[in-house]
C-alpha atoms as a PDB file:
ATOM      1  CA  MET A   1     -16.804  15.042  10.020  1.00  0.00           C
ATOM      2  CA  ILE A   2     -16.453  13.462   6.646  1.00  0.00           C
ATOM      3  CA  ASP A   3     -12.626  12.282   6.905  1.00  0.00           C
ATOM      4  CA  LEU A   4     -11.311  11.216   3.128  1.00  0.00           C
ATOM      5  CA  ARG A   5      -7.761  12.014   4.102  1.00  0.00           C
ATOM      6  CA  SER A   6      -6.652   8.337   3.879  1.00  0.00           C
ATOM      7  CA  ASP A   7      -8.194   4.674   4.515  1.00  0.00           C
ATOM      8  CA  THR A   8      -6.075   4.721   7.505  1.00  0.00           C
ATOM      9  CA  VAL A   9      -8.510   6.829   9.223  1.00  0.00           C
ATOM     10  CA  THR A  10     -11.074   4.142  10.278  1.00  0.00           C
ATOM     11  CA  LYS A  11     -11.862   3.065  13.324  1.00  0.00           C
ATOM     12  CA  SER A  12     -12.222  -0.896  14.688  1.00  0.00           C
ATOM     13  CA  SER A  13     -16.045  -1.817  14.226  1.00  0.00           C
ATOM     14  CA  LYS A  14     -17.959  -3.603  17.091  1.00  0.00           C
ATOM     15  CA  GLY A  15     -17.196  -6.849  15.719  1.00  0.00           C
ATOM     16  CA  MET A  16     -13.740  -6.365  15.105  1.00  0.00           C
ATOM     17  CA  LEU A  17     -13.351  -5.287  18.829  1.00  0.00           C
ATOM     18  CA  GLU A  18     -14.913  -8.190  20.129  1.00  0.00           C
ATOM     19  CA  ALA A  19     -12.859 -10.401  17.951  1.00  0.00           C
ATOM     20  CA  MET A  20      -9.702  -8.698  19.543  1.00  0.00           C
ATOM     21  CA  PHE A  21     -10.928  -8.850  23.273  1.00  0.00           C
ATOM     22  CA  LYS A  22     -11.443 -12.746  22.597  1.00  0.00           C
ATOM     23  CA  ALA A  23      -8.233 -13.706  21.300  1.00  0.00           C
ATOM     24  CA  GLU A  24      -6.021 -15.941  22.640  1.00  0.00           C
ATOM     25  CA  VAL A  25      -2.382 -14.727  23.118  1.00  0.00           C
ATOM     26  CA  GLY A  26       0.922 -15.321  24.264  1.00  0.00           C
ATOM     27  CA  ASP A  27       4.575 -14.348  23.736  1.00  0.00           C
ATOM     28  CA  ASP A  28       5.341 -13.594  19.970  1.00  0.00           C
ATOM     29  CA  ILE A  29       8.898 -13.267  20.757  1.00  0.00           C
ATOM     30  CA  TYR A  30       9.108 -16.973  21.472  1.00  0.00           C
ATOM     31  CA  LYS A  31       6.410 -17.401  18.660  1.00  0.00           C
ATOM     32  CA  GLU A  32       3.923 -18.525  21.233  1.00  0.00           C
ATOM     33  CA  ASP A  33       0.849 -16.470  20.306  1.00  0.00           C
ATOM     34  CA  PRO A  34      -1.481 -18.653  18.892  1.00  0.00           C
ATOM     35  CA  THR A  35      -3.570 -16.056  16.870  1.00  0.00           C
ATOM     36  CA  VAL A  36      -0.654 -14.303  15.304  1.00  0.00           C
ATOM     37  CA  ASN A  37       0.828 -17.499  14.372  1.00  0.00           C
ATOM     38  CA  LEU A  38      -2.534 -18.216  12.672  1.00  0.00           C
ATOM     39  CA  LEU A  39      -2.994 -14.939  10.722  1.00  0.00           C
ATOM     40  CA  GLU A  40       0.654 -15.428   9.344  1.00  0.00           C
ATOM     41  CA  GLU A  41       0.098 -18.939   8.582  1.00  0.00           C
ATOM     42  CA  ARG A  42      -3.103 -17.828   6.841  1.00  0.00           C
ATOM     43  CA  LEU A  43      -1.451 -14.962   4.971  1.00  0.00           C
ATOM     44  CA  ALA A  44       1.461 -17.621   3.793  1.00  0.00           C
ATOM     45  CA  ASP A  45      -0.872 -19.978   2.358  1.00  0.00           C
ATOM     46  CA  MET A  46      -3.037 -17.347   0.794  1.00  0.00           C
ATOM     47  CA  PHE A  47      -0.169 -16.226  -1.243  1.00  0.00           C
ATOM     48  CA  GLY A  48       1.247 -19.634  -1.937  1.00  0.00           C
ATOM     49  CA  LYS A  49       4.594 -18.918   0.160  1.00  0.00           C
ATOM     50  CA  SER A  50       5.774 -20.948   3.239  1.00  0.00           C
ATOM     51  CA  ASN A  51       6.784 -17.894   5.754  1.00  0.00           C
ATOM     52  CA  ALA A  52       4.972 -14.447   6.907  1.00  0.00           C
ATOM     53  CA  LEU A  53       5.753 -12.387   9.995  1.00  0.00           C
ATOM     54  CA  PHE A  54       3.600  -9.743  11.437  1.00  0.00           C
ATOM     55  CA  PHE A  55       5.056  -5.835  11.477  1.00  0.00           C
ATOM     56  CA  PRO A  56       3.478  -2.861  13.194  1.00  0.00           C
ATOM     57  CA  SER A  57       3.477  -1.053  10.226  1.00  0.00           C
ATOM     58  CA  GLY A  58       4.052  -1.512   6.407  1.00  0.00           C
ATOM     59  CA  SER A  59       7.228   0.888   6.195  1.00  0.00           C
ATOM     60  CA  MET A  60       8.785  -1.423   8.785  1.00  0.00           C
ATOM     61  CA  ALA A  61       7.702  -4.390   6.655  1.00  0.00           C
ATOM     62  CA  ASN A  62       9.014  -2.642   3.371  1.00  0.00           C
ATOM     63  CA  GLN A  63      12.097  -1.708   5.096  1.00  0.00           C
ATOM     64  CA  THR A  64      13.043  -5.410   6.195  1.00  0.00           C
ATOM     65  CA  ALA A  65      12.442  -6.501   2.809  1.00  0.00           C
ATOM     66  CA  ILE A  66      14.849  -4.252   1.256  1.00  0.00           C
ATOM     67  CA  LYS A  67      17.444  -5.082   4.055  1.00  0.00           C
ATOM     68  CA  LEU A  68      16.647  -8.992   2.983  1.00  0.00           C
ATOM     69  CA  HIS A  69      17.629  -8.632  -0.477  1.00  0.00           C
ATOM     70  CA  THR A  70      20.489  -6.099  -0.472  1.00  0.00           C
ATOM     71  CA  ASN A  71      23.986  -5.155   1.163  1.00  0.00           C
ATOM     72  CA  PRO A  72      25.141  -1.446   1.715  1.00  0.00           C
ATOM     73  CA  GLY A  73      26.146   0.368  -1.278  1.00  0.00           C
ATOM     74  CA  GLU A  74      23.526  -1.667  -3.727  1.00  0.00           C
ATOM     75  CA  GLN A  75      21.021  -0.410  -5.321  1.00  0.00           C
ATOM     76  CA  VAL A  76      16.844  -0.551  -5.804  1.00  0.00           C
ATOM     77  CA  ILE A  77      14.910   0.006  -8.739  1.00  0.00           C
ATOM     78  CA  ALA A  78      11.573   1.562  -8.097  1.00  0.00           C
ATOM     79  CA  ASP A  79       9.126   4.155  -9.586  1.00  0.00           C
ATOM     80  CA  LYS A  80       9.705   7.862  -8.870  1.00  0.00           C
ATOM     81  CA  TRP A  81       6.538   7.709  -7.183  1.00  0.00           C
ATOM     82  CA  ALA A  82       7.157   4.933  -5.118  1.00  0.00           C
ATOM     83  CA  HIS A  83       6.277   4.752  -1.622  1.00  0.00           C
ATOM     84  CA  VAL A  84       9.687   3.047  -0.478  1.00  0.00           C
ATOM     85  CA  TYR A  85      11.310   5.978  -1.956  1.00  0.00           C
ATOM     86  CA  ASN A  86       8.746   9.065  -1.122  1.00  0.00           C
ATOM     87  CA  TYR A  87       7.373   8.048   1.945  1.00  0.00           C
ATOM     88  CA  GLU A  88       9.312   6.162   4.292  1.00  0.00           C
ATOM     89  CA  GLY A  89      11.359   8.749   5.840  1.00  0.00           C
ATOM     90  CA  GLY A  90      14.395   8.143   3.844  1.00  0.00           C
ATOM     91  CA  GLY A  91      14.344   4.718   5.755  1.00  0.00           C
ATOM     92  CA  ALA A  92      16.300   2.575   2.908  1.00  0.00           C
ATOM     93  CA  SER A  93      19.397   4.511   2.846  1.00  0.00           C
ATOM     94  CA  PHE A  94      19.481   4.618   6.537  1.00  0.00           C
ATOM     95  CA  ASN A  95      18.665   1.322   7.559  1.00  0.00           C
ATOM     96  CA  SER A  96      20.251  -0.662   4.609  1.00  0.00           C
ATOM     97  CA  GLY A  97      22.507   2.097   2.931  1.00  0.00           C
ATOM     98  CA  VAL A  98      21.167   1.815  -0.745  1.00  0.00           C
ATOM     99  CA  SER A  99      20.487   4.038  -3.412  1.00  0.00           C
ATOM    100  CA  PHE A 100      17.430   3.995  -5.895  1.00  0.00           C
ATOM    101  CA  LYS A 101      17.459   4.138  -9.628  1.00  0.00           C
ATOM    102  CA  LEU A 102      14.303   6.187 -10.069  1.00  0.00           C
ATOM    103  CA  ILE A 103      12.046   5.116 -13.101  1.00  0.00           C
ATOM    104  CA  ASP A 104      10.052   7.888 -14.983  1.00  0.00           C
ATOM    105  CA  GLY A 105       6.651   5.773 -14.948  1.00  0.00           C
ATOM    106  CA  ASN A 106       3.179   6.200 -15.950  1.00  0.00           C
ATOM    107  CA  ARG A 107       0.803   6.785 -12.714  1.00  0.00           C
ATOM    108  CA  GLY A 108       3.636   4.929 -10.764  1.00  0.00           C
ATOM    109  CA  MET A 109       4.193   1.639 -13.045  1.00  0.00           C
ATOM    110  CA  PHE A 110       6.890   1.242 -15.544  1.00  0.00           C
ATOM    111  CA  ASN A 111       7.452  -1.618 -17.851  1.00  0.00           C
ATOM    112  CA  ALA A 112       9.952  -4.479 -18.206  1.00  0.00           C
ATOM    113  CA  GLU A 113      12.311  -2.652 -21.208  1.00  0.00           C
ATOM    114  CA  GLN A 114      12.361   0.443 -18.573  1.00  0.00           C
ATOM    115  CA  VAL A 115      13.742  -2.005 -15.888  1.00  0.00           C
ATOM    116  CA  GLU A 116      16.246  -3.826 -18.467  1.00  0.00           C
ATOM    117  CA  ALA A 117      17.540  -0.119 -19.066  1.00  0.00           C
ATOM    118  CA  SER A 118      18.057   0.621 -15.562  1.00  0.00           C
ATOM    119  CA  ILE A 119      20.036  -2.193 -14.706  1.00  0.00           C
ATOM    120  CA  ASN A 120      23.920  -1.083 -13.976  1.00  0.00           C
ATOM    121  CA  ALA A 121      26.054  -3.277 -15.337  1.00  0.00           C
ATOM    122  CA  PRO A 122      27.111  -5.628 -12.572  1.00  0.00           C
ATOM    123  CA  ASP A 123      31.282  -5.496 -14.196  1.00  0.00           C
ATOM    124  CA  PHE A 124      31.147  -1.584 -14.118  1.00  0.00           C
ATOM    125  CA  TYR A 125      32.441  -0.868 -10.576  1.00  0.00           C
ATOM    126  CA  HIS A 126      31.979   2.828 -10.875  1.00  0.00           C
ATOM    127  CA  SER A 127      28.053   2.314 -10.364  1.00  0.00           C
ATOM    128  CA  ALA A 128      26.205   0.819  -7.738  1.00  0.00           C
ATOM    129  CA  LEU A 129      25.189  -2.932  -8.046  1.00  0.00           C
ATOM    130  CA  THR A 130      21.595  -3.347  -9.015  1.00  0.00           C
ATOM    131  CA  ARG A 131      19.969  -5.701  -6.433  1.00  0.00           C
ATOM    132  CA  LEU A 132      16.038  -5.251  -6.167  1.00  0.00           C
ATOM    133  CA  VAL A 133      13.076  -4.447  -8.110  1.00  0.00           C
ATOM    134  CA  ALA A 134      10.562  -2.666  -6.111  1.00  0.00           C
ATOM    135  CA  ILE A 135       6.859  -2.699  -7.118  1.00  0.00           C
ATOM    136  CA  GLU A 136       3.804  -0.614  -5.508  1.00  0.00           C
ATOM    137  CA  ASN A 137       0.234  -2.239  -6.195  1.00  0.00           C
ATOM    138  CA  THR A 138      -1.773   0.018  -6.038  1.00  0.00           C
ATOM    139  CA  THR A 139      -0.075   2.600  -6.601  1.00  0.00           C
ATOM    140  CA  ASN A 140      -0.471   5.855  -4.061  1.00  0.00           C
ATOM    141  CA  LYS A 141       0.482   8.582  -5.832  1.00  0.00           C
ATOM    142  CA  GLY A 142      -0.807   7.110  -9.115  1.00  0.00           C
ATOM    143  CA  GLY A 143      -4.029   7.215  -7.715  1.00  0.00           C
ATOM    144  CA  GLY A 144      -4.838   3.724  -7.242  1.00  0.00           C
ATOM    145  CA  ALA A 145      -3.755   2.526 -10.303  1.00  0.00           C
ATOM    146  CA  CYS A 146      -3.357  -1.418 -10.700  1.00  0.00           C
ATOM    147  CA  TRP A 147      -0.494  -3.182 -12.395  1.00  0.00           C
ATOM    148  CA  ASN A 148      -1.440  -5.427 -15.388  1.00  0.00           C
ATOM    149  CA  LEU A 149      -0.486  -8.945 -14.314  1.00  0.00           C
ATOM    150  CA  GLU A 150       1.151  -9.592 -17.848  1.00  0.00           C
ATOM    151  CA  GLU A 151       3.519  -6.514 -17.346  1.00  0.00           C
ATOM    152  CA  LEU A 152       4.702  -8.087 -13.854  1.00  0.00           C
ATOM    153  CA  LYS A 153       5.639 -11.526 -15.263  1.00  0.00           C
ATOM    154  CA  ARG A 154       7.592  -9.727 -17.798  1.00  0.00           C
ATOM    155  CA  ILE A 155       9.349  -7.786 -14.993  1.00  0.00           C
ATOM    156  CA  LYS A 156       9.813 -11.043 -13.447  1.00  0.00           C
ATOM    157  CA  ASN A 157      11.462 -12.515 -16.302  1.00  0.00           C
ATOM    158  CA  VAL A 158      14.131  -9.664 -16.538  1.00  0.00           C
ATOM    159  CA  CYS A 159      14.662  -9.918 -12.595  1.00  0.00           C
ATOM    160  CA  GLU A 160      15.171 -13.818 -12.981  1.00  0.00           C
ATOM    161  CA  ASN A 161      17.500 -12.946 -16.024  1.00  0.00           C
ATOM    162  CA  ASN A 162      19.486 -10.544 -14.235  1.00  0.00           C
ATOM    163  CA  GLY A 163      19.524 -12.273 -10.602  1.00  0.00           C
ATOM    164  CA  LEU A 164      17.630  -9.496  -8.809  1.00  0.00           C
ATOM    165  CA  GLY A 165      15.044  -9.841  -6.159  1.00  0.00           C
ATOM    166  CA  TYR A 166      11.373  -8.669  -6.448  1.00  0.00           C
ATOM    167  CA  HIS A 167       9.388  -7.118  -4.177  1.00  0.00           C
ATOM    168  CA  LEU A 168       5.842  -5.751  -3.926  1.00  0.00           C
ATOM    169  CA  ASP A 169       4.641  -3.212  -1.417  1.00  0.00           C
ATOM    170  CA  GLY A 170       1.233  -4.161  -1.383  1.00  0.00           C
ATOM    171  CA  ALA A 171      -0.180  -1.896   0.821  1.00  0.00           C
ATOM    172  CA  ARG A 172      -3.524  -1.477  -1.059  1.00  0.00           C
ATOM    173  CA  LEU A 173      -2.973  -5.053  -2.804  1.00  0.00           C
ATOM    174  CA  TRP A 174      -6.399  -6.115  -1.858  1.00  0.00           C
ATOM    175  CA  ASN A 175      -8.088  -3.358  -3.754  1.00  0.00           C
ATOM    176  CA  ALA A 176      -6.372  -4.589  -6.923  1.00  0.00           C
ATOM    177  CA  ILE A 177      -7.230  -8.179  -6.318  1.00  0.00           C
ATOM    178  CA  VAL A 178     -10.841  -7.410  -5.469  1.00  0.00           C
ATOM    179  CA  LYS A 179     -11.172  -4.932  -8.374  1.00  0.00           C
ATOM    180  CA  ASN A 180      -9.457  -7.291 -10.819  1.00  0.00           C
ATOM    181  CA  ASN A 181     -10.838 -10.657  -9.515  1.00  0.00           C
ATOM    182  CA  GLU A 182      -7.179 -11.989  -8.903  1.00  0.00           C
ATOM    183  CA  ASP A 183      -5.789 -14.915  -6.804  1.00  0.00           C
ATOM    184  CA  PRO A 184      -3.116 -13.887  -4.235  1.00  0.00           C
ATOM    185  CA  LYS A 185      -1.391 -16.976  -5.457  1.00  0.00           C
ATOM    186  CA  GLN A 186      -0.534 -15.342  -8.729  1.00  0.00           C
ATOM    187  CA  TYR A 187       1.372 -12.497  -6.649  1.00  0.00           C
ATOM    188  CA  GLY A 188       3.082 -15.020  -4.841  1.00  0.00           C
ATOM    189  CA  LEU A 189       4.066 -17.015  -7.809  1.00  0.00           C
ATOM    190  CA  LEU A 190       5.775 -13.708  -9.127  1.00  0.00           C
ATOM    191  CA  PHE A 191       7.549 -11.922  -6.118  1.00  0.00           C
ATOM    192  CA  ASP A 192       9.867 -12.973  -3.771  1.00  0.00           C
ATOM    193  CA  THR A 193       8.800 -10.649  -0.996  1.00  0.00           C
ATOM    194  CA  ILE A 194       5.240  -9.201  -0.666  1.00  0.00           C
ATOM    195  CA  SER A 195       4.234  -6.610   2.163  1.00  0.00           C
ATOM    196  CA  VAL A 196       0.507  -6.413   2.627  1.00  0.00           C
ATOM    197  CA  CYS A 197      -1.246  -3.934   5.209  1.00  0.00           C
ATOM    198  CA  LEU A 198      -4.073  -4.505   7.395  1.00  0.00           C
ATOM    199  CA  SER A 199      -4.922  -0.876   8.384  1.00  0.00           C
ATOM    200  CA  LYS A 200      -5.580   0.387   4.697  1.00  0.00           C
ATOM    201  CA  GLY A 201      -9.196  -0.454   3.432  1.00  0.00           C
ATOM    202  CA  LEU A 202      -9.405  -3.433   5.852  1.00  0.00           C
ATOM    203  CA  GLY A 203     -10.315  -1.125   8.958  1.00  0.00           C
ATOM    204  CA  CYS A 204      -7.449  -2.644  11.295  1.00  0.00           C
ATOM    205  CA  PRO A 205      -5.920  -0.448  13.581  1.00  0.00           C
ATOM    206  CA  ILE A 206      -2.509  -1.641  12.866  1.00  0.00           C
ATOM    207  CA  GLY A 207      -0.585  -4.141  11.372  1.00  0.00           C
ATOM    208  CA  SER A 208       0.919  -5.265   8.134  1.00  0.00           C
ATOM    209  CA  VAL A 209       2.614  -8.670   7.018  1.00  0.00           C
ATOM    210  CA  LEU A 210       5.656  -9.564   5.094  1.00  0.00           C
ATOM    211  CA  ILE A 211       5.284 -12.689   3.175  1.00  0.00           C
ATOM    212  CA  GLY A 212       7.818 -14.717   1.584  1.00  0.00           C
ATOM    213  CA  ASP A 213       9.451 -18.055   1.095  1.00  0.00           C
ATOM    214  CA  GLU A 214      11.784 -19.730   3.870  1.00  0.00           C
ATOM    215  CA  LYS A 215      15.182 -18.719   2.423  1.00  0.00           C
ATOM    216  CA  ILE A 216      14.487 -15.179   1.771  1.00  0.00           C
ATOM    217  CA  MET A 217      12.672 -14.890   5.098  1.00  0.00           C
ATOM    218  CA  GLU A 218      15.022 -16.285   7.199  1.00  0.00           C
ATOM    219  CA  ASN A 219      16.292 -13.339   9.096  1.00  0.00           C
ATOM    220  CA  ALA A 220      13.338 -11.202   8.676  1.00  0.00           C
ATOM    221  CA  ILE A 221      12.749 -11.742  12.547  1.00  0.00           C
ATOM    222  CA  ARG A 222      16.164 -10.906  13.174  1.00  0.00           C
ATOM    223  CA  ILE A 223      15.781  -7.357  11.168  1.00  0.00           C
ATOM    224  CA  ARG A 224      12.476  -6.902  12.969  1.00  0.00           C
ATOM    225  CA  LYS A 225      14.346  -6.840  16.074  1.00  0.00           C
ATOM    226  CA  ILE A 226      16.844  -4.549  14.868  1.00  0.00           C
ATOM    227  CA  LEU A 227      14.149  -2.139  13.744  1.00  0.00           C
ATOM    228  CA  GLY A 228      12.582  -2.345  17.295  1.00  0.00           C
ATOM    229  CA  GLY A 229       9.745  -4.279  15.632  1.00  0.00           C
ATOM    230  CA  ALA A 230       9.484  -6.866  18.349  1.00  0.00           C
ATOM    231  CA  THR A 231       6.110  -7.477  20.243  1.00  0.00           C
ATOM    232  CA  ARG A 232       4.477  -9.572  23.048  1.00  0.00           C
ATOM    233  CA  GLN A 233       1.064 -10.539  23.097  1.00  0.00           C
ATOM    234  CA  VAL A 234       0.004  -9.137  19.817  1.00  0.00           C
ATOM    235  CA  GLY A 235      -2.396 -11.618  19.093  1.00  0.00           C
ATOM    236  CA  TYR A 236      -5.062  -8.893  20.303  1.00  0.00           C
ATOM    237  CA  LEU A 237      -4.134  -7.134  17.083  1.00  0.00           C
ATOM    238  CA  ALA A 238      -3.826 -10.200  14.931  1.00  0.00           C
ATOM    239  CA  ALA A 239      -7.297 -11.105  15.815  1.00  0.00           C
ATOM    240  CA  ALA A 240      -8.334  -7.865  13.676  1.00  0.00           C
ATOM    241  CA  GLY A 241      -6.585  -8.727  10.972  1.00  0.00           C
ATOM    242  CA  ILE A 242      -8.375 -12.117  10.992  1.00  0.00           C
ATOM    243  CA  TYR A 243     -11.775 -10.373  11.543  1.00  0.00           C
ATOM    244  CA  ALA A 244     -10.708  -8.206   8.580  1.00  0.00           C
ATOM    245  CA  LEU A 245      -9.905 -10.954   6.102  1.00  0.00           C
ATOM    246  CA  ASP A 246     -12.931 -12.752   7.011  1.00  0.00           C
ATOM    247  CA  ASN A 247     -15.420  -9.567   6.990  1.00  0.00           C
ATOM    248  CA  ASN A 248     -13.934  -6.542   5.174  1.00  0.00           C
ATOM    249  CA  MET A 249     -12.296  -8.009   1.743  1.00  0.00           C
ATOM    250  CA  ASN A 250     -15.158  -8.451  -0.264  1.00  0.00           C
ATOM    251  CA  ARG A 251     -16.713  -4.799   0.663  1.00  0.00           C
ATOM    252  CA  LEU A 252     -13.590  -3.074  -1.249  1.00  0.00           C
ATOM    253  CA  SER A 253     -15.909  -3.145  -4.131  1.00  0.00           C
ATOM    254  CA  GLU A 254     -18.345  -0.260  -2.512  1.00  0.00           C
ATOM    255  CA  ASP A 255     -15.205   2.032  -1.824  1.00  0.00           C
ATOM    256  CA  HIS A 256     -14.350   1.543  -5.673  1.00  0.00           C
ATOM    257  CA  ASP A 257     -18.128   2.460  -6.323  1.00  0.00           C
ATOM    258  CA  LYS A 258     -18.020   5.429  -4.471  1.00  0.00           C
ATOM    259  CA  ALA A 259     -14.665   6.820  -5.710  1.00  0.00           C
ATOM    260  CA  LYS A 260     -15.881   6.657  -9.319  1.00  0.00           C
ATOM    261  CA  GLU A 261     -19.224   8.644  -8.374  1.00  0.00           C
ATOM    262  CA  LEU A 262     -17.354  11.087  -6.610  1.00  0.00           C
ATOM    263  CA  GLY A 263     -15.042  11.130  -9.961  1.00  0.00           C
ATOM    264  CA  ILE A 264     -18.046  11.561 -11.917  1.00  0.00           C
ATOM    265  CA  VAL A 265     -19.399  14.831  -9.908  1.00  0.00           C
ATOM    266  CA  LEU A 266     -16.211  16.584  -9.905  1.00  0.00           C
ATOM    267  CA  GLU A 267     -15.543  15.997 -13.619  1.00  0.00           C
ATOM    268  CA  GLU A 268     -18.972  18.189 -13.752  1.00  0.00           C
ATOM    269  CA  LEU A 269     -17.639  20.967 -11.676  1.00  0.00           C
ATOM    270  CA  LYS A 270     -16.497  24.333 -13.717  1.00  0.00           C
ATOM    271  CA  PHE A 271     -13.468  24.655 -11.134  1.00  0.00           C
ATOM    272  CA  VAL A 272     -12.094  21.197 -11.759  1.00  0.00           C
ATOM    273  CA  GLU A 273      -9.410  21.142 -14.192  1.00  0.00           C
ATOM    274  CA  LYS A 274      -8.668  17.649 -14.148  1.00  0.00           C
ATOM    275  CA  VAL A 275      -9.726  14.377 -12.888  1.00  0.00           C
ATOM    276  CA  GLU A 276      -6.943  11.391 -12.673  1.00  0.00           C
ATOM    277  CA  LEU A 277      -8.422   7.795 -13.944  1.00  0.00           C
ATOM    278  CA  ILE A 278     -10.163   6.074 -11.110  1.00  0.00           C
ATOM    279  CA  GLU A 279      -9.468   2.287 -10.590  1.00  0.00           C
ATOM    280  CA  THR A 280     -10.006   1.810  -7.010  1.00  0.00           C
ATOM    281  CA  ASN A 281     -10.582   3.935  -3.758  1.00  0.00           C
ATOM    282  CA  ILE A 282      -8.514   6.676  -4.572  1.00  0.00           C
ATOM    283  CA  VAL A 283      -9.506  10.094  -6.448  1.00  0.00           C
ATOM    284  CA  ILE A 284      -7.042  12.441  -7.065  1.00  0.00           C
ATOM    285  CA  PHE A 285      -7.847  16.061  -8.818  1.00  0.00           C
ATOM    286  CA  THR A 286      -6.778  19.267  -9.603  1.00  0.00           C
ATOM    287  CA  LEU A 287      -8.244  22.742  -9.586  1.00  0.00           C
ATOM    288  CA  ASN A 288      -8.310  25.477 -12.308  1.00  0.00           C
ATOM    289  CA  ASN A 289      -7.919  29.250 -11.899  1.00  0.00           C
ATOM    290  CA  LYS A 290     -11.735  29.470 -11.207  1.00  0.00           C
ATOM    291  CA  ILE A 291     -11.035  28.542  -7.286  1.00  0.00           C
ATOM    292  CA  SER A 292      -8.042  28.958  -5.147  1.00  0.00           C
ATOM    293  CA  LYS A 293      -6.838  25.589  -3.605  1.00  0.00           C
ATOM    294  CA  GLU A 294      -7.025  27.690  -0.239  1.00  0.00           C
ATOM    295  CA  SER A 295     -10.376  28.561  -0.700  1.00  0.00           C
ATOM    296  CA  PHE A 296     -11.527  25.242  -1.810  1.00  0.00           C
ATOM    297  CA  PHE A 297     -10.033  23.663   1.198  1.00  0.00           C
ATOM    298  CA  LEU A 298     -11.422  26.443   3.682  1.00  0.00           C
ATOM    299  CA  GLN A 299     -15.011  25.860   2.158  1.00  0.00           C
ATOM    300  CA  MET A 300     -14.559  22.071   2.717  1.00  0.00           C
ATOM    301  CA  LYS A 301     -13.394  22.597   6.123  1.00  0.00           C
ATOM    302  CA  LYS A 302     -16.624  24.688   6.943  1.00  0.00           C
ATOM    303  CA  HIS A 303     -18.579  21.467   5.707  1.00  0.00           C
ATOM    304  CA  ASN A 304     -16.677  19.447   8.360  1.00  0.00           C
ATOM    305  CA  VAL A 305     -14.950  17.649   5.261  1.00  0.00           C
ATOM    306  CA  LEU A 306     -11.154  16.669   5.411  1.00  0.00           C
ATOM    307  CA  LEU A 307      -9.126  15.828   2.252  1.00  0.00           C
ATOM    308  CA  SER A 308      -5.094  15.657   1.588  1.00  0.00           C
ATOM    309  CA  ASP A 309      -3.134  18.149  -0.146  1.00  0.00           C
ATOM    310  CA  MET A 310      -0.636  15.978  -2.591  1.00  0.00           C
ATOM    311  CA  GLY A 311       1.286  19.270  -3.467  1.00  0.00           C
ATOM    312  CA  GLY A 312       2.079  20.195  -7.042  1.00  0.00           C
ATOM    313  CA  GLY A 313      -1.933  21.352  -7.018  1.00  0.00           C
ATOM    314  CA  LYS A 314      -3.240  17.718  -6.734  1.00  0.00           C
ATOM    315  CA  ILE A 315      -5.918  16.865  -4.095  1.00  0.00           C
ATOM    316  CA  ARG A 316      -6.718  13.387  -2.853  1.00  0.00           C
ATOM    317  CA  MET A 317      -9.838  11.773  -1.671  1.00  0.00           C
ATOM    318  CA  VAL A 318      -9.692   8.086  -0.290  1.00  0.00           C
ATOM    319  CA  THR A 319     -12.889   5.861   0.312  1.00  0.00           C
ATOM    320  CA  HIS A 320     -13.331   3.506   2.862  1.00  0.00           C
ATOM    321  CA  LEU A 321     -15.501   1.320   5.328  1.00  0.00           C
ATOM    322  CA  ASP A 322     -16.144   4.316   7.613  1.00  0.00           C
ATOM    323  CA  TYR A 323     -17.478   6.517   5.110  1.00  0.00           C
ATOM    324  CA  THR A 324     -21.020   5.877   5.041  1.00  0.00           C
ATOM    325  CA  PHE A 325     -23.446   5.987   1.986  1.00  0.00           C
ATOM    326  CA  ASN A 326     -24.887   9.091   3.904  1.00  0.00           C
ATOM    327  CA  GLN A 327     -21.839  11.108   3.892  1.00  0.00           C
ATOM    328  CA  HIS A 328     -21.455  10.281   0.458  1.00  0.00           C
ATOM    329  CA  ASN A 329     -24.539  11.527  -0.778  1.00  0.00           C
ATOM    330  CA  GLN A 330     -24.113  14.423   1.819  1.00  0.00           C
ATOM    331  CA  LEU A 331     -20.582  15.027   0.064  1.00  0.00           C
ATOM    332  CA  LEU A 332     -21.721  14.675  -3.402  1.00  0.00           C
ATOM    333  CA  THR A 333     -24.347  17.635  -2.549  1.00  0.00           C
ATOM    334  CA  ILE A 334     -21.431  19.515  -0.876  1.00  0.00           C
ATOM    335  CA  LEU A 335     -19.477  19.372  -3.773  1.00  0.00           C
ATOM    336  CA  ARG A 336     -21.942  20.671  -6.092  1.00  0.00           C
ATOM    337  CA  ASP A 337     -22.745  23.679  -3.809  1.00  0.00           C
ATOM    338  CA  ILE A 338     -19.217  24.692  -3.824  1.00  0.00           C
ATOM    339  CA  ASN A 339     -19.122  28.329  -4.314  1.00  0.00           C
ATOM    340  CA  PRO A 340     -15.987  29.450  -6.770  1.00  0.00           C
END
C-alpha cells in the first residue's frame, strides 16, 4: 500500500518505539513526568519562549490558544482556508464563542494590509471586537505553502498597533523551517502562541505542543483540563517527540524532493489540468476532462495507492517518512501508465 492521504499515516519506527519503552514517566497532572517536562522545556527553549504544554492533538492546542486570546463574542482574523476555521469541527465557536473574519488570501496566506482592513473599529459596538490574528504555516489547503517571514513581521506590527494577539498554527512548521533554513526563534520573536505538531511529518503516533511566554500560558493547563486533555504517564508519548526532534527533522527535505518529483511527472500527464506550486511535502492537482475523478481514484486504488479528495476538483498527495524511495519510483511509473 502506498498511502499518501496525509503525513499523519506514519507508523512509529523501531528506534522511536525503543525510546518510548525506555521512557521514565510520572503523573503529568502533577507535572511529575520527567520526559514530558523535558520535551516541553526543549520546545520552549527552541522557540525562545518560557513555557510549553503537551496536548493530545493539534486541534486541542489551537483551540486552547484561541481561548487564551479571546472572550466570547469576539472575533478572530484568519484566512478562508485556515485549519482553525475549516478542519477543527467548529470548535472555536463551541469552545470560545468567537466568530471569524475570513480573508480572501493567496494559497492560505494574506498580507498586513488585508489584516488592517479586517479589524473592526473597537468603538463600533455593532460588530464583534477583533482580538486575534491566526496564521497557518505551512498552509494545508494552500499546498504546503510557506509564509514569508518579512510579511509575518509586518502583520506583527499591525497586531501590536491594534492590541491583537498573534497565534501560529504550526502543524507543519517543521517543513517551512527546513525548507527555508530558518531558526525557530525567529517565529518565537513574532508570535504570542505557537502550536507545533509531532505527528505530521515527524512520525510520532500522537501529540502537539503549545508554546508561549508565562503570562499568556498561565491558564493553558486549566483550559486543557476543561477540553478533556488531561494526561497521566504521557512521557511514553513525549519520548517519541524527543526522538523525532533528534532524528526526523533534517530528513524532511527528502519529502520535499519527492513531492517536487511527483509534480514534475504530473505536469507531463495529458489528463492533468494543473499542478499547484509545490514548496514542501504537499502536492495538489486537478484533472481535465480526459479522465473523471472517479476513474482516476479507481485506477489508483487498484494499484494500492491512496490519495485525498479535497473537494472542488482538487486531489492531494502528501509525502512522508514512511513513503520510501522504492514506493516513490513505483508511483512515478503507475502515474505514467494511467489509462485515461
